[in-house]
């Protein structure tokens, strides 16, 4: 992918997640078995981890209400 703006490229590059080869293979196998794309699997795993942390902090209900209010706009 070509970037006209080098600053934009640097921003995207910093936010790119890289996995070890063994982890990449595991993600590929899991996504194939589940019948979903690898990016969707990674997103779902991240959301579950975030939900668990919010629940431990007692903020899960607050976050759910906030997201619901944003979706109803």
N, C-alpha and C. Protein backbone atom coordinates (compact mmCIF):
# COMPACT_ATOMS: atom_id res chain seq x y z
N UNK A 1 0.85 -1.17 0.00
CA UNK A 1 0.00 0.00 0.00
C UNK A 1 0.90 1.24 0.00
N UNK A 2 0.62 2.14 -0.86
CA UNK A 2 1.42 3.36 -0.97
C UNK A 2 0.77 4.49 -0.17
N UNK A 3 1.59 5.26 0.48
CA UNK A 3 1.11 6.39 1.26
C UNK A 3 1.68 7.68 0.67
N UNK A 4 0.81 8.64 0.40
CA UNK A 4 1.28 9.94 -0.05
C UNK A 4 1.84 10.75 1.12
N UNK A 5 1.28 10.52 2.28
CA UNK A 5 1.65 11.27 3.47
C UNK A 5 2.48 10.36 4.39
N UNK A 6 3.74 10.69 4.58
CA UNK A 6 4.61 9.84 5.40
C UNK A 6 4.17 9.81 6.86
N UNK A 7 3.58 10.90 7.34
CA UNK A 7 3.10 10.92 8.72
C UNK A 7 1.96 9.92 8.89
N UNK A 8 1.08 9.84 7.91
CA UNK A 8 -0.03 8.89 7.97
C UNK A 8 0.52 7.46 7.98
N UNK A 9 1.52 7.21 7.17
CA UNK A 9 2.14 5.88 7.13
C UNK A 9 2.74 5.53 8.49
N UNK A 10 3.41 6.47 9.11
CA UNK A 10 4.02 6.23 10.42
C UNK A 10 2.95 5.95 11.46
N UNK A 11 1.83 6.66 11.40
CA UNK A 11 0.74 6.44 12.36
C UNK A 11 0.16 5.04 12.19
N UNK A 12 -0.09 4.65 10.97
CA UNK A 12 -0.65 3.32 10.71
C UNK A 12 0.35 2.24 11.10
N UNK A 13 1.61 2.46 10.80
CA UNK A 13 2.65 1.49 11.11
C UNK A 13 2.75 1.25 12.61
N UNK A 14 2.64 2.31 13.41
CA UNK A 14 2.72 2.18 14.87
C UNK A 14 1.56 1.38 15.42
N UNK A 15 0.41 1.44 14.78
CA UNK A 15 -0.78 0.77 15.29
C UNK A 15 -1.03 -0.59 14.64
N UNK A 16 -0.04 -1.10 13.94
CA UNK A 16 -0.16 -2.41 13.33
C UNK A 16 0.31 -3.46 14.32
N UNK A 17 -0.50 -4.48 14.53
CA UNK A 17 -0.15 -5.55 15.45
C UNK A 17 0.59 -6.63 14.69
N UNK A 18 1.70 -7.07 15.24
CA UNK A 18 2.47 -8.15 14.63
C UNK A 18 2.52 -9.33 15.59
N UNK A 19 2.37 -10.51 15.05
CA UNK A 19 2.41 -11.72 15.86
C UNK A 19 3.60 -12.58 15.45
N UNK A 20 4.06 -13.40 16.38
CA UNK A 20 5.11 -14.36 16.07
C UNK A 20 4.56 -15.36 15.06
N UNK A 21 5.46 -16.04 14.33
CA UNK A 21 5.03 -16.99 13.31
C UNK A 21 4.16 -18.09 13.89
N UNK A 22 4.52 -18.60 15.05
CA UNK A 22 3.72 -19.66 15.68
C UNK A 22 2.33 -19.15 16.04
N UNK A 23 2.25 -17.92 16.53
CA UNK A 23 0.95 -17.33 16.86
C UNK A 23 0.12 -17.08 15.60
N UNK A 24 0.78 -16.67 14.52
CA UNK A 24 0.08 -16.46 13.24
C UNK A 24 -0.55 -17.77 12.78
N UNK A 25 0.20 -18.85 12.88
CA UNK A 25 -0.31 -20.16 12.46
C UNK A 25 -1.49 -20.57 13.32
N UNK A 26 -1.39 -20.37 14.63
CA UNK A 26 -2.48 -20.70 15.53
C UNK A 26 -3.74 -19.91 15.19
N UNK A 27 -3.57 -18.62 14.94
CA UNK A 27 -4.71 -17.78 14.56
C UNK A 27 -5.34 -18.24 13.25
N UNK A 28 -4.50 -18.64 12.29
CA UNK A 28 -5.01 -19.14 11.01
C UNK A 28 -5.84 -20.41 11.21
N UNK A 29 -5.32 -21.34 12.01
CA UNK A 29 -6.02 -22.60 12.26
C UNK A 29 -7.34 -22.34 12.98
N UNK A 30 -7.30 -21.51 14.02
CA UNK A 30 -8.53 -21.20 14.76
C UNK A 30 -9.57 -20.52 13.88
N UNK A 31 -9.14 -19.56 13.08
CA UNK A 31 -10.10 -18.85 12.23
C UNK A 31 -10.68 -19.78 11.17
N UNK A 32 -9.87 -20.69 10.64
CA UNK A 32 -10.39 -21.67 9.68
C UNK A 32 -11.42 -22.59 10.33
N UNK A 33 -11.11 -23.07 11.52
CA UNK A 33 -12.03 -23.98 12.21
C UNK A 33 -13.33 -23.29 12.60
N UNK A 34 -13.23 -22.02 12.96
CA UNK A 34 -14.44 -21.27 13.36
C UNK A 34 -15.18 -20.69 12.16
N UNK A 35 -14.53 -20.68 11.01
CA UNK A 35 -15.17 -20.16 9.80
C UNK A 35 -15.29 -18.65 9.77
N UNK A 36 -14.33 -17.97 10.41
CA UNK A 36 -14.34 -16.50 10.40
C UNK A 36 -12.98 -16.01 9.93
N UNK A 37 -12.93 -14.73 9.61
CA UNK A 37 -11.66 -14.15 9.19
C UNK A 37 -10.75 -13.96 10.40
N UNK A 38 -9.46 -13.99 10.14
CA UNK A 38 -8.47 -13.86 11.22
C UNK A 38 -8.63 -12.53 11.96
N UNK A 39 -8.88 -11.46 11.23
CA UNK A 39 -9.04 -10.14 11.87
C UNK A 39 -10.25 -10.13 12.81
N UNK A 40 -11.32 -10.81 12.41
CA UNK A 40 -12.51 -10.89 13.25
C UNK A 40 -12.21 -11.66 14.52
N UNK A 41 -11.47 -12.75 14.39
CA UNK A 41 -11.09 -13.54 15.56
C UNK A 41 -10.27 -12.70 16.53
N UNK A 42 -9.30 -11.96 16.02
CA UNK A 42 -8.46 -11.12 16.88
C UNK A 42 -9.30 -10.05 17.56
N UNK A 43 -10.21 -9.43 16.82
CA UNK A 43 -11.08 -8.41 17.41
C UNK A 43 -11.95 -9.00 18.51
N UNK A 44 -12.53 -10.17 18.27
CA UNK A 44 -13.37 -10.81 19.27
C UNK A 44 -12.58 -11.14 20.53
N UNK A 45 -11.35 -11.62 20.35
CA UNK A 45 -10.51 -11.94 21.50
C UNK A 45 -10.18 -10.68 22.30
N UNK A 46 -9.90 -9.60 21.62
CA UNK A 46 -9.58 -8.34 22.30
C UNK A 46 -10.80 -7.81 23.05
N UNK A 47 -11.97 -7.91 22.43
CA UNK A 47 -13.19 -7.42 23.09
C UNK A 47 -13.51 -8.25 24.33
N UNK A 48 -13.32 -9.56 24.27
CA UNK A 48 -13.56 -10.40 25.45
C UNK A 48 -12.62 -10.04 26.59
N UNK A 49 -11.36 -9.78 26.25
CA UNK A 49 -10.39 -9.39 27.27
C UNK A 49 -10.78 -8.05 27.90
N UNK A 50 -11.22 -7.11 27.07
CA UNK A 50 -11.64 -5.80 27.58
C UNK A 50 -12.88 -5.93 28.46
N UNK A 51 -13.83 -6.76 28.03
CA UNK A 51 -15.05 -6.95 28.83
C UNK A 51 -14.71 -7.55 30.19
N UNK A 52 -13.78 -8.50 30.22
CA UNK A 52 -13.37 -9.13 31.48
C UNK A 52 -12.76 -8.10 32.42
N UNK A 53 -11.88 -7.25 31.89
CA UNK A 53 -11.26 -6.22 32.72
C UNK A 53 -12.29 -5.22 33.24
N UNK A 54 -13.22 -4.81 32.37
CA UNK A 54 -14.26 -3.88 32.79
C UNK A 54 -15.14 -4.50 33.86
N UNK A 55 -15.44 -5.78 33.72
CA UNK A 55 -16.27 -6.46 34.70
C UNK A 55 -15.56 -6.52 36.06
N UNK A 56 -14.26 -6.80 36.04
CA UNK A 56 -13.49 -6.84 37.28
C UNK A 56 -13.46 -5.47 37.96
N UNK A 57 -13.48 -4.41 37.17
CA UNK A 57 -13.49 -3.06 37.72
C UNK A 57 -14.89 -2.58 38.09
N UNK A 58 -15.89 -3.37 37.73
CA UNK A 58 -17.27 -2.99 38.00
C UNK A 58 -17.80 -1.94 37.04
N UNK A 59 -17.19 -1.83 35.88
CA UNK A 59 -17.57 -0.80 34.92
C UNK A 59 -18.26 -1.36 33.68
N UNK A 60 -18.51 -2.66 33.64
CA UNK A 60 -19.07 -3.26 32.43
C UNK A 60 -20.44 -2.70 32.12
N UNK A 61 -21.29 -2.50 33.11
CA UNK A 61 -22.61 -1.93 32.88
C UNK A 61 -22.54 -0.51 32.35
N UNK A 62 -21.59 0.27 32.86
CA UNK A 62 -21.42 1.65 32.39
C UNK A 62 -20.98 1.68 30.94
N UNK A 63 -20.05 0.81 30.58
CA UNK A 63 -19.54 0.77 29.20
C UNK A 63 -20.63 0.31 28.25
N UNK A 64 -21.42 -0.68 28.66
CA UNK A 64 -22.50 -1.18 27.82
C UNK A 64 -23.54 -0.11 27.59
N UNK A 65 -23.88 0.64 28.63
CA UNK A 65 -24.86 1.72 28.49
C UNK A 65 -24.33 2.81 27.58
N UNK A 66 -23.05 3.13 27.69
CA UNK A 66 -22.45 4.16 26.84
C UNK A 66 -22.47 3.74 25.38
N UNK A 67 -22.08 2.52 25.10
CA UNK A 67 -22.08 2.03 23.71
C UNK A 67 -23.49 2.01 23.16
N UNK A 68 -24.45 1.59 23.96
CA UNK A 68 -25.84 1.58 23.52
C UNK A 68 -26.34 2.97 23.21
N UNK A 69 -25.95 3.95 24.00
CA UNK A 69 -26.39 5.32 23.74
C UNK A 69 -25.75 5.87 22.46
N UNK A 70 -24.52 5.45 22.17
CA UNK A 70 -23.84 5.90 20.95
C UNK A 70 -24.47 5.26 19.72
N UNK A 71 -24.92 4.03 19.84
CA UNK A 71 -25.53 3.33 18.70
C UNK A 71 -26.91 3.87 18.37
N UNK A 72 -27.61 4.39 19.37
CA UNK A 72 -28.98 4.87 19.14
C UNK A 72 -29.02 6.24 18.49
N UNK A 73 -27.88 6.87 18.32
CA UNK A 73 -27.85 8.21 17.70
C UNK A 73 -28.17 8.15 16.25
